[in-house]
Amino acid sequence: MIDMAEDQLFPVVGELKLASGATLRGEAKTATLLFAVGGALSTWETSEDFLMTLYRVILREEEPLAFAAFVRANRSTRSHMLKAAMKQHPQRLPSGSTPTIEAILNRLDTLAKTRNEIAHGRLVQWQSSLDGEAPVSGIFLLPSFHDDAWHERSHRYAHNVTTISAFADEVRGLRKTIFELTAQIASSDEKASLAAAS
């Protein structure tokens, strides 16, 4: 079933009945889907780099072991570490930015599931019909057979270029805000350093 509930950003494929009457069309060429996958994963990794830069800027050079641990930690742990650094050093953040950063971290934590679907999915030519029509057809990114455990044609999710691009666009917007806030902190540090040198 393709569940197109309003609160669900990315459709989940299973049976063919469309809850909203909408269709999710696959791609005609694998290259189109592979290009979207590569772009989305690169966008995600850049957001991770920006979060690492924010963490480093908040800590400055004062806590090198914490930064080394951050680099080696998994995504969930890094999110907790960044939130802890923000609580420990609130004076390092632009005024009023903590709720924004926390909201971004929470949204990225949610989007991590979709990132994993995109990273670990596989391209499948899939077409099914309902009453002689083809509501779902084309090449999709679907779960691999060994996703969590062996399963046969269990389509918990499906992505096409549209859903993957929507994911990448959202991550790109979140990443931009993190970059801007990090730049504000760095600029403030530079001004303070110049003032101290005068």
Protein backbone atom coordinates (compact mmCIF):
# COMPACT_ATOMS: atom_id res chain seq x y z
CA MET A 1 0.00 0.00 0.00
CA ILE A 2 1.27 3.48 -0.74
CA ASP A 3 0.31 5.47 2.30
CA MET A 4 0.24 9.16 1.45
CA ALA A 5 -0.81 10.44 4.88
CA GLU A 6 -0.32 14.19 5.23
CA ASP A 7 2.16 13.86 8.08
CA GLN A 8 4.29 11.40 6.15
CA LEU A 9 6.77 13.04 3.83
CA PHE A 10 7.88 9.91 2.00
CA PRO A 11 5.50 7.25 0.74
CA VAL A 12 5.69 3.68 1.97
CA VAL A 13 4.99 0.94 -0.55
CA GLY A 14 3.29 -2.32 0.28
CA GLU A 15 -0.08 -3.23 -1.21
CA LEU A 16 -1.38 -1.35 -4.21
CA LYS A 17 -4.42 0.45 -2.88
CA LEU A 18 -3.64 4.14 -2.78
CA ALA A 19 -4.97 5.73 0.39
CA SER A 20 -5.21 9.19 -1.15
CA GLY A 21 -5.81 8.22 -4.75
CA ALA A 22 -2.36 9.58 -5.63
CA THR A 23 0.18 7.60 -7.63
CA LEU A 24 3.91 7.22 -7.24
CA ARG A 25 5.51 6.73 -10.63
CA GLY A 26 8.88 5.16 -10.99
CA GLU A 27 11.66 6.36 -13.21
CA ALA A 28 12.22 5.23 -16.78
CA LYS A 29 16.02 5.16 -16.45
CA THR A 30 18.19 3.89 -13.63
CA ALA A 31 20.71 6.71 -14.22
CA THR A 32 18.11 9.33 -13.25
CA LEU A 33 17.45 7.61 -9.93
CA LEU A 34 21.14 6.94 -9.26
CA PHE A 35 21.94 10.61 -9.85
CA ALA A 36 19.27 11.63 -7.30
CA VAL A 37 20.58 9.09 -4.78
CA GLY A 38 24.16 10.36 -5.12
CA GLY A 39 23.09 13.98 -4.78
CA ALA A 40 20.93 13.28 -1.72
CA LEU A 41 23.68 11.35 0.06
CA SER A 42 26.23 14.05 -0.69
CA THR A 43 23.84 16.69 0.65
CA TRP A 44 23.35 14.65 3.82
CA GLU A 45 27.08 14.18 4.40
CA THR A 46 27.67 17.89 3.93
CA SER A 47 25.06 18.58 6.62
CA GLU A 48 27.00 16.23 8.92
CA ASP A 49 30.19 18.20 8.14
CA PHE A 50 28.43 21.47 8.98
CA LEU A 51 27.23 20.05 12.32
CA MET A 52 30.79 18.96 13.09
CA THR A 53 32.03 22.46 12.29
CA LEU A 54 29.37 23.97 14.56
CA TYR A 55 30.43 21.64 17.37
CA ARG A 56 34.07 22.61 16.90
CA VAL A 57 33.28 26.32 16.83
CA ILE A 58 31.21 26.06 20.02
CA LEU A 59 34.01 24.22 21.84
CA ARG A 60 36.82 26.25 20.25
CA GLU A 61 40.11 24.51 20.87
CA GLU A 62 39.35 24.09 24.57
CA GLU A 63 38.14 20.47 24.47
CA PRO A 64 40.15 18.48 21.90
CA LEU A 65 39.17 15.10 23.38
CA ALA A 66 35.48 15.93 23.15
CA PHE A 67 35.93 16.88 19.51
CA ALA A 68 37.84 13.65 18.80
CA ALA A 69 35.01 11.67 20.40
CA PHE A 70 32.44 13.61 18.35
CA VAL A 71 34.20 12.72 15.10
CA ARG A 72 34.19 9.00 15.98
CA ALA A 73 30.64 8.87 17.40
CA ASN A 74 27.57 7.65 15.56
CA ARG A 75 24.99 10.12 14.35
CA SER A 76 22.65 9.86 17.34
CA THR A 77 25.49 10.34 19.83
CA ARG A 78 26.80 13.35 17.89
CA SER A 79 23.36 14.94 18.10
CA HIS A 80 23.32 14.44 21.90
CA MET A 81 26.88 15.78 22.18
CA LEU A 82 26.02 18.91 20.21
CA LYS A 83 22.96 19.58 22.37
CA ALA A 84 25.10 19.11 25.49
CA ALA A 85 27.74 21.52 24.14
CA MET A 86 25.03 24.11 23.51
CA LYS A 87 23.83 23.77 27.11
CA GLN A 88 27.39 23.94 28.44
CA HIS A 89 28.37 26.98 26.34
CA PRO A 90 25.18 29.01 25.68
CA GLN A 91 27.21 32.23 25.53
CA ARG A 92 28.89 30.91 22.38
CA LEU A 93 25.63 30.84 20.43
CA PRO A 94 23.90 33.73 18.68
CA SER A 95 21.12 35.09 20.86
CA GLY A 96 17.91 33.07 20.53
CA SER A 97 19.45 30.44 18.23
CA THR A 98 19.30 27.46 20.60
CA PRO A 99 15.66 26.51 19.80
CA THR A 100 16.40 26.77 16.08
CA ILE A 101 19.45 24.52 16.31
CA GLU A 102 17.61 22.01 18.50
CA ALA A 103 14.70 21.92 16.03
CA ILE A 104 17.16 21.32 13.17
CA LEU A 105 18.88 18.52 15.08
CA ASN A 106 15.53 16.91 15.90
CA ARG A 107 14.42 17.13 12.26
CA LEU A 108 17.71 15.66 11.04
CA ASP A 109 17.33 12.86 13.60
CA THR A 110 13.95 12.09 12.00
CA LEU A 111 15.31 12.41 8.45
CA ALA A 112 18.15 9.99 9.30
CA LYS A 113 15.68 7.13 8.72
CA THR A 114 15.04 8.35 5.18
CA ARG A 115 18.76 8.85 4.63
CA ASN A 116 19.31 5.21 5.59
CA GLU A 117 16.55 4.10 3.21
CA ILE A 118 18.22 6.00 0.39
CA ALA A 119 21.71 4.77 1.31
CA HIS A 120 20.74 1.11 1.69
CA GLY A 121 17.94 0.74 -0.82
CA ARG A 122 18.31 -0.95 -4.16
CA LEU A 123 16.97 -0.15 -7.62
CA VAL A 124 14.05 -2.33 -8.63
CA GLN A 125 11.93 -2.39 -11.78
CA TRP A 126 8.46 -2.77 -10.30
CA GLN A 127 5.01 -2.67 -11.83
CA SER A 128 1.73 -3.80 -10.36
CA SER A 129 -1.81 -3.30 -11.45
CA LEU A 130 -5.16 -2.81 -9.81
CA ASP A 131 -8.25 -3.46 -11.97
CA GLY A 132 -6.19 -3.35 -15.14
CA GLU A 133 -4.51 -0.03 -14.36
CA ALA A 134 -0.89 0.47 -13.30
CA PRO A 135 -0.93 2.84 -10.31
CA VAL A 136 2.68 1.96 -9.50
CA SER A 137 5.27 1.39 -12.20
CA GLY A 138 8.87 2.03 -13.17
CA ILE A 139 12.21 1.91 -11.41
CA PHE A 140 12.13 2.62 -7.68
CA LEU A 141 14.53 2.59 -4.78
CA LEU A 142 13.17 -0.19 -2.52
CA PRO A 143 14.45 -2.03 0.56
CA SER A 144 17.06 -4.67 -0.08
CA PHE A 145 16.15 -8.28 0.66
CA HIS A 146 18.31 -8.21 3.79
CA ASP A 147 17.09 -4.84 5.08
CA ASP A 148 16.61 -5.80 8.76
CA ALA A 149 16.16 -9.49 8.24
CA TRP A 150 15.45 -11.61 5.18
CA HIS A 151 12.18 -10.70 3.53
CA GLU A 152 10.72 -11.26 0.12
CA ARG A 153 9.39 -8.25 -1.76
CA SER A 154 8.49 -6.39 1.42
CA HIS A 155 8.15 -2.82 0.21
CA ARG A 156 8.16 -0.83 3.43
CA TYR A 157 9.15 2.24 1.44
CA ALA A 158 9.69 3.32 -2.12
CA HIS A 159 11.51 6.35 -3.43
CA ASN A 160 11.63 7.97 -6.81
CA VAL A 161 13.43 11.12 -7.94
CA THR A 162 10.63 13.31 -6.56
CA THR A 163 10.77 11.90 -3.01
CA ILE A 164 14.57 11.80 -2.97
CA SER A 165 14.78 15.39 -4.23
CA ALA A 166 12.29 16.54 -1.58
CA PHE A 167 14.49 14.91 1.07
CA ALA A 168 17.65 16.56 -0.32
CA ASP A 169 15.97 19.97 -0.56
CA GLU A 170 14.85 19.83 3.06
CA VAL A 171 18.28 18.76 4.28
CA ARG A 172 19.87 21.51 2.17
CA GLY A 173 17.65 24.13 3.85
CA LEU A 174 18.51 22.86 7.34
CA ARG A 175 22.18 22.74 6.43
CA LYS A 176 22.08 26.36 5.22
CA THR A 177 20.75 27.56 8.58
CA ILE A 178 23.47 25.65 10.47
CA PHE A 179 26.11 27.16 8.17
CA GLU A 180 24.79 30.70 8.76
CA LEU A 181 24.72 30.28 12.55
CA THR A 182 28.24 28.82 12.54
CA ALA A 183 29.43 31.75 10.43
CA GLN A 184 27.90 34.18 12.96
CA ILE A 185 29.82 32.51 15.80
CA ALA A 186 33.07 32.53 13.81
CA SER A 187 32.60 36.18 12.87
CA SER A 188 31.95 37.11 16.50
CA ASP A 189 35.11 35.21 17.54
CA GLU A 190 37.16 37.02 14.91
CA LYS A 191 35.87 40.44 16.05
CA ALA A 192 36.63 39.58 19.68
CA SER A 193 40.13 38.42 18.72
CA LEU A 194 40.82 41.62 16.77
CA ALA A 195 39.52 43.75 19.64
CA ALA A 196 41.74 41.90 22.12
CA ALA A 197 44.78 42.41 19.87
CA SER A 198 44.20 46.18 19.62
